[in-house]
Every structure is written in C-alpha cells, then in structure tokens.
Amino acid sequence: MNHEGKHNDRGMRKWRPFASIPEQHIGLNKVLEGLNKVEKPILAEDQQEQINEIIMRSCGTKVKVLLTYFKRGELITETCIIDSINVHTKNLFYIDEVFEIKNKIQLSDIVDVKFV
C-alpha cells in the first residue's frame, strides 16, 4: 500500500525539543539572557566630570542628549531631554523622545551623556 500524502508531519514541535519540558525551557531562556549581560562600567574621574558638565549645561534647556545608562546588566542608550536633578536623592529626571514620558534614574547609573 502506498503511503504518499499520508505523511504525519509534527510541524514546529520537532524544532522545539526543550520547550516540551517547561523547567528546561525556563532555564534555557535564563542562560540565553545571561549571555547578553554586561558588568557596570567603572568611569574615570574625567569621564564623570564630562558627564556632570553636559548634564548641568543641558538641564532644563530642552536640548536633546544621548543618554547611556546601566540597568539590570544592560547598557541602554536613548535620546532624551534632561528635565531636572534632585541632588538630595541623586536622581536625574529626563523626558524620553519616544513616549515623551518623564523618567527617573540614579545619577550613579549614568555611563555616558552626549549632545545630539
């Protein structure tokens, strides 16, 4: 008997062997996420001074800057406008270009700031 046309294809399931066991799938995702993690850069004193100078010059002026900061093992860069600084809590408030929402970040998490 000819079995042509009656091939039982398992589809995409055959390409996901670890997804059949949820614990392995979750563990594999954590390993893959960990590969993209980086250590927080340690800035030299002159780098910190340059960052502080650009922050002070752009604060409240509505001038766009390219802000790079460290968050949960990643370096994130976004274009924004620096709104204000709270020296007591050491927070910087900025408005991101994409959603135009006011955000808060610790000054110590800032890795780089450049004028756009």
N, C-alpha and C. Protein backbone atom coordinates (compact mmCIF):
# COMPACT_ATOMS: atom_id res chain seq x y z
N MET A 1 0.84 -1.17 0.00
CA MET A 1 0.00 0.00 0.00
C MET A 1 0.89 1.23 0.00
N ASN A 2 0.54 2.20 -0.81
CA ASN A 2 1.32 3.43 -0.95
C ASN A 2 0.88 4.44 0.10
N HIS A 3 1.83 4.97 0.87
CA HIS A 3 1.52 5.90 1.95
C HIS A 3 1.77 7.35 1.55
N GLU A 4 1.89 7.63 0.27
CA GLU A 4 2.11 9.01 -0.16
C GLU A 4 0.91 9.87 0.21
N GLY A 5 1.19 11.11 0.64
CA GLY A 5 0.12 12.02 1.02
C GLY A 5 -0.39 11.81 2.42
N LYS A 6 0.04 10.73 3.08
CA LYS A 6 -0.43 10.46 4.43
C LYS A 6 0.69 10.68 5.45
N HIS A 7 1.69 11.47 5.08
CA HIS A 7 2.82 11.76 5.96
C HIS A 7 2.32 12.60 7.13
N ASN A 8 2.58 12.15 8.34
CA ASN A 8 2.15 12.88 9.53
C ASN A 8 3.30 13.76 10.00
N ASP A 9 3.28 15.01 9.60
CA ASP A 9 4.33 15.96 9.96
C ASP A 9 4.02 16.53 11.34
N ARG A 10 5.04 16.57 12.20
CA ARG A 10 4.86 17.10 13.54
C ARG A 10 4.93 18.63 13.56
N GLY A 11 5.21 19.25 12.44
CA GLY A 11 5.24 20.71 12.37
C GLY A 11 6.37 21.30 13.18
N MET A 12 6.11 22.45 13.79
CA MET A 12 7.13 23.18 14.53
C MET A 12 7.54 22.48 15.82
N ARG A 13 6.76 21.55 16.30
CA ARG A 13 7.10 20.87 17.54
C ARG A 13 8.46 20.18 17.45
N LYS A 14 8.82 19.69 16.28
CA LYS A 14 10.07 18.97 16.15
C LYS A 14 11.28 19.90 16.30
N TRP A 15 11.09 21.21 16.17
CA TRP A 15 12.19 22.16 16.28
C TRP A 15 12.31 22.73 17.70
N ARG A 16 11.46 22.32 18.61
CA ARG A 16 11.48 22.85 19.97
C ARG A 16 11.58 21.73 20.99
N PRO A 17 12.67 20.99 20.98
CA PRO A 17 12.75 19.84 21.89
C PRO A 17 12.76 20.21 23.37
N PHE A 18 13.35 21.37 23.74
CA PHE A 18 13.42 21.73 25.15
C PHE A 18 12.15 22.38 25.65
N ALA A 19 11.31 22.87 24.74
CA ALA A 19 10.09 23.54 25.16
C ALA A 19 9.06 22.56 25.69
N SER A 20 9.26 21.27 25.45
CA SER A 20 8.30 20.28 25.94
C SER A 20 8.37 20.12 27.45
N ILE A 21 9.49 20.51 28.04
CA ILE A 21 9.64 20.44 29.49
C ILE A 21 9.79 21.88 29.98
N PRO A 22 8.76 22.43 30.62
CA PRO A 22 8.77 23.85 30.99
C PRO A 22 9.98 24.28 31.81
N GLU A 23 10.44 23.45 32.74
CA GLU A 23 11.58 23.82 33.57
C GLU A 23 12.84 24.01 32.73
N GLN A 24 13.04 23.13 31.75
CA GLN A 24 14.21 23.25 30.88
C GLN A 24 14.10 24.49 30.01
N HIS A 25 12.90 24.77 29.52
CA HIS A 25 12.68 25.94 28.67
C HIS A 25 12.98 27.23 29.44
N ILE A 26 12.51 27.31 30.68
CA ILE A 26 12.76 28.49 31.52
C ILE A 26 14.26 28.61 31.81
N GLY A 27 14.90 27.51 32.14
CA GLY A 27 16.33 27.52 32.42
C GLY A 27 17.15 27.92 31.21
N LEU A 28 16.78 27.43 30.04
CA LEU A 28 17.47 27.77 28.81
C LEU A 28 17.32 29.26 28.50
N ASN A 29 16.13 29.81 28.71
CA ASN A 29 15.92 31.24 28.50
C ASN A 29 16.79 32.07 29.44
N LYS A 30 16.94 31.65 30.69
CA LYS A 30 17.77 32.38 31.64
C LYS A 30 19.24 32.36 31.22
N VAL A 31 19.69 31.23 30.71
CA VAL A 31 21.07 31.13 30.23
C VAL A 31 21.28 32.06 29.05
N LEU A 32 20.35 32.07 28.11
CA LEU A 32 20.47 32.93 26.93
C LEU A 32 20.42 34.41 27.32
N GLU A 33 19.57 34.78 28.28
CA GLU A 33 19.50 36.16 28.76
C GLU A 33 20.83 36.55 29.41
N GLY A 34 21.42 35.64 30.15
CA GLY A 34 22.67 35.91 30.84
C GLY A 34 23.83 36.18 29.90
N LEU A 35 23.76 35.66 28.68
CA LEU A 35 24.83 35.88 27.72
C LEU A 35 24.93 37.34 27.30
N ASN A 36 23.82 38.07 27.36
CA ASN A 36 23.81 39.48 26.95
C ASN A 36 24.14 40.44 28.09
N LYS A 37 24.28 39.95 29.29
CA LYS A 37 24.54 40.81 30.44
C LYS A 37 25.98 41.32 30.40
N VAL A 38 26.15 42.55 30.88
CA VAL A 38 27.48 43.15 30.97
C VAL A 38 27.70 43.67 32.38
N GLU A 39 28.94 43.85 32.73
CA GLU A 39 29.29 44.45 34.02
C GLU A 39 29.12 45.96 33.92
N LYS A 40 28.77 46.58 35.03
CA LYS A 40 28.65 48.04 35.05
C LYS A 40 30.03 48.65 34.86
N PRO A 41 30.18 49.52 33.85
CA PRO A 41 31.49 50.14 33.61
C PRO A 41 31.91 51.04 34.77
N ILE A 42 33.19 51.05 35.04
CA ILE A 42 33.75 51.95 36.05
C ILE A 42 34.31 53.15 35.31
N LEU A 43 33.81 54.33 35.64
CA LEU A 43 34.20 55.55 34.94
C LEU A 43 35.41 56.22 35.59
N ALA A 44 36.27 56.75 34.75
CA ALA A 44 37.40 57.54 35.25
C ALA A 44 36.86 58.89 35.72
N GLU A 45 37.66 59.57 36.52
CA GLU A 45 37.23 60.85 37.08
C GLU A 45 36.91 61.87 35.98
N ASP A 46 37.72 61.91 34.92
CA ASP A 46 37.47 62.87 33.84
C ASP A 46 36.19 62.54 33.08
N GLN A 47 35.84 61.25 32.97
CA GLN A 47 34.58 60.86 32.33
C GLN A 47 33.40 61.34 33.18
N GLN A 48 33.51 61.17 34.50
CA GLN A 48 32.44 61.62 35.39
C GLN A 48 32.27 63.13 35.32
N GLU A 49 33.38 63.85 35.26
CA GLU A 49 33.32 65.31 35.16
C GLU A 49 32.66 65.75 33.86
N GLN A 50 32.99 65.07 32.77
CA GLN A 50 32.39 65.39 31.47
C GLN A 50 30.88 65.13 31.49
N ILE A 51 30.47 64.03 32.08
CA ILE A 51 29.05 63.70 32.20
C ILE A 51 28.34 64.78 33.03
N ASN A 52 28.92 65.13 34.16
CA ASN A 52 28.32 66.16 35.03
C ASN A 52 28.19 67.49 34.30
N GLU A 53 29.22 67.87 33.55
CA GLU A 53 29.19 69.13 32.82
C GLU A 53 28.07 69.16 31.77
N ILE A 54 27.94 68.09 31.01
CA ILE A 54 26.88 68.04 29.98
C ILE A 54 25.51 68.03 30.64
N ILE A 55 25.36 67.31 31.74
CA ILE A 55 24.07 67.29 32.44
C ILE A 55 23.72 68.70 32.93
N MET A 56 24.68 69.37 33.54
CA MET A 56 24.41 70.72 34.05
C MET A 56 24.10 71.71 32.92
N ARG A 57 24.82 71.61 31.81
CA ARG A 57 24.59 72.52 30.68
C ARG A 57 23.27 72.28 29.98
N SER A 58 22.79 71.04 29.99
CA SER A 58 21.57 70.72 29.26
C SER A 58 20.31 70.69 30.13
N CYS A 59 20.48 70.70 31.45
CA CYS A 59 19.36 70.59 32.39
C CYS A 59 18.39 71.76 32.20
N GLY A 60 17.14 71.43 31.90
CA GLY A 60 16.09 72.42 31.78
C GLY A 60 16.12 73.25 30.50
N THR A 61 17.00 72.93 29.56
CA THR A 61 17.13 73.74 28.34
C THR A 61 16.35 73.17 27.15
N LYS A 62 15.82 71.97 27.29
CA LYS A 62 15.11 71.27 26.22
C LYS A 62 16.03 70.89 25.06
N VAL A 63 17.33 70.83 25.34
CA VAL A 63 18.32 70.36 24.36
C VAL A 63 18.38 68.84 24.43
N LYS A 64 18.34 68.18 23.28
CA LYS A 64 18.37 66.72 23.26
C LYS A 64 19.79 66.21 23.51
N VAL A 65 19.84 65.14 24.31
CA VAL A 65 21.10 64.46 24.59
C VAL A 65 20.92 62.97 24.35
N LEU A 66 22.04 62.30 24.16
CA LEU A 66 22.06 60.86 24.05
C LEU A 66 22.53 60.33 25.39
N LEU A 67 21.63 59.71 26.14
CA LEU A 67 21.89 59.26 27.50
C LEU A 67 22.11 57.75 27.49
N THR A 68 23.24 57.32 28.04
CA THR A 68 23.53 55.89 28.18
C THR A 68 23.61 55.57 29.66
N TYR A 69 22.85 54.55 30.08
CA TYR A 69 22.84 54.18 31.49
C TYR A 69 22.82 52.67 31.64
N PHE A 70 23.20 52.23 32.83
CA PHE A 70 23.27 50.82 33.18
C PHE A 70 22.00 50.43 33.92
N LYS A 71 21.36 49.35 33.45
CA LYS A 71 20.14 48.88 34.11
C LYS A 71 20.06 47.36 33.98
N ARG A 72 20.06 46.68 35.10
CA ARG A 72 19.91 45.22 35.17
C ARG A 72 20.82 44.47 34.21
N GLY A 73 22.09 44.83 34.20
CA GLY A 73 23.06 44.11 33.38
C GLY A 73 23.10 44.53 31.92
N GLU A 74 22.43 45.60 31.59
CA GLU A 74 22.44 46.08 30.20
C GLU A 74 22.82 47.55 30.15
N LEU A 75 23.42 47.95 29.03
CA LEU A 75 23.66 49.36 28.76
C LEU A 75 22.58 49.83 27.81
N ILE A 76 21.81 50.81 28.23
CA ILE A 76 20.69 51.31 27.45
C ILE A 76 21.00 52.74 27.02
N THR A 77 20.80 53.02 25.75
CA THR A 77 21.04 54.36 25.21
C THR A 77 19.74 54.87 24.61
N GLU A 78 19.39 56.10 24.98
CA GLU A 78 18.19 56.71 24.41
C GLU A 78 18.36 58.22 24.29
N THR A 79 17.66 58.77 23.32
CA THR A 79 17.65 60.21 23.12
C THR A 79 16.60 60.80 24.04
N CYS A 80 16.97 61.86 24.76
CA CYS A 80 16.04 62.44 25.73
C CYS A 80 16.37 63.90 25.99
N ILE A 81 15.53 64.52 26.80
CA ILE A 81 15.74 65.88 27.27
C ILE A 81 15.88 65.80 28.79
N ILE A 82 16.95 66.35 29.33
CA ILE A 82 17.15 66.32 30.78
C ILE A 82 16.27 67.40 31.40
N ASP A 83 15.39 66.96 32.28
CA ASP A 83 14.41 67.86 32.90
C ASP A 83 14.97 68.51 34.16
N SER A 84 15.43 67.68 35.11
CA SER A 84 15.90 68.23 36.39
C SER A 84 16.75 67.19 37.12
N ILE A 85 17.37 67.66 38.20
CA ILE A 85 18.20 66.81 39.05
C ILE A 85 17.79 67.04 40.49
N ASN A 86 17.66 65.97 41.27
CA ASN A 86 17.44 66.08 42.69
C ASN A 86 18.76 65.70 43.36
N VAL A 87 19.50 66.69 43.86
CA VAL A 87 20.81 66.42 44.44
C VAL A 87 20.72 65.64 45.76
N HIS A 88 19.60 65.74 46.45
CA HIS A 88 19.44 65.03 47.72
C HIS A 88 19.26 63.53 47.51
N THR A 89 18.44 63.16 46.53
CA THR A 89 18.22 61.74 46.25
C THR A 89 19.16 61.21 45.17
N LYS A 90 19.93 62.13 44.56
CA LYS A 90 20.87 61.80 43.48
C LYS A 90 20.17 61.15 42.30
N ASN A 91 19.00 61.71 41.95
CA ASN A 91 18.22 61.25 40.80
C ASN A 91 18.24 62.28 39.69
N LEU A 92 18.24 61.79 38.47
CA LEU A 92 18.11 62.63 37.29
C LEU A 92 16.75 62.34 36.68
N PHE A 93 16.03 63.38 36.32
CA PHE A 93 14.72 63.22 35.68
C PHE A 93 14.87 63.63 34.22
N TYR A 94 14.41 62.79 33.32
CA TYR A 94 14.52 63.08 31.90
C TYR A 94 13.24 62.70 31.18
N ILE A 95 13.04 63.30 30.02
CA ILE A 95 11.86 63.02 29.20
C ILE A 95 12.36 62.30 27.96
N ASP A 96 11.90 61.06 27.79
CA ASP A 96 12.38 60.28 26.65
C ASP A 96 11.72 60.75 25.35
N GLU A 97 12.45 60.58 24.26
CA GLU A 97 11.99 61.07 22.96
C GLU A 97 10.85 60.25 22.39
N VAL A 98 10.82 58.96 22.66
CA VAL A 98 9.83 58.08 22.06
C VAL A 98 8.44 58.28 22.64
N PHE A 99 8.30 58.18 23.96
CA PHE A 99 6.98 58.26 24.60
C PHE A 99 6.71 59.61 25.24
N GLU A 100 7.75 60.45 25.30
CA GLU A 100 7.64 61.77 25.93
C GLU A 100 7.13 61.66 27.36
N ILE A 101 7.66 60.68 28.09
CA ILE A 101 7.29 60.42 29.47
C ILE A 101 8.47 60.80 30.36
N LYS A 102 8.17 61.37 31.51
CA LYS A 102 9.22 61.73 32.48
C LYS A 102 9.68 60.47 33.20
N ASN A 103 10.98 60.24 33.18
CA ASN A 103 11.58 59.07 33.81
C ASN A 103 12.58 59.51 34.86
N LYS A 104 12.91 58.57 35.75
CA LYS A 104 13.88 58.85 36.83
C LYS A 104 14.97 57.80 36.77
N ILE A 105 16.21 58.27 36.99
CA ILE A 105 17.35 57.35 37.02
C ILE A 105 18.35 57.85 38.06
N GLN A 106 19.04 56.93 38.69
CA GLN A 106 20.10 57.29 39.63
C GLN A 106 21.27 57.87 38.85
N LEU A 107 21.83 58.95 39.34
CA LEU A 107 22.99 59.55 38.68
C LEU A 107 24.14 58.56 38.57
N SER A 108 24.28 57.69 39.55
CA SER A 108 25.38 56.71 39.55
C SER A 108 25.24 55.65 38.45
N ASP A 109 24.04 55.51 37.87
CA ASP A 109 23.82 54.54 36.79
C ASP A 109 24.14 55.11 35.41
N ILE A 110 24.39 56.41 35.33
CA ILE A 110 24.68 57.04 34.04
C ILE A 110 26.12 56.72 33.65
N VAL A 111 26.27 56.23 32.42
CA VAL A 111 27.57 55.81 31.91
C VAL A 111 28.12 56.83 30.91
N ASP A 112 27.22 57.51 30.18
CA ASP A 112 27.66 58.49 29.18
C ASP A 112 26.51 59.42 28.83
N VAL A 113 26.86 60.67 28.48
CA VAL A 113 25.90 61.65 28.00
C VAL A 113 26.61 62.45 26.90
N LYS A 114 25.90 62.60 25.77
CA LYS A 114 26.45 63.38 24.66
C LYS A 114 25.35 64.26 24.09
N PHE A 115 25.75 65.41 23.59
CA PHE A 115 24.80 66.26 22.88
C PHE A 115 24.49 65.60 21.54
N VAL A 116 23.23 65.68 21.13
CA VAL A 116 22.83 65.08 19.85
C VAL A 116 23.19 66.00 18.72
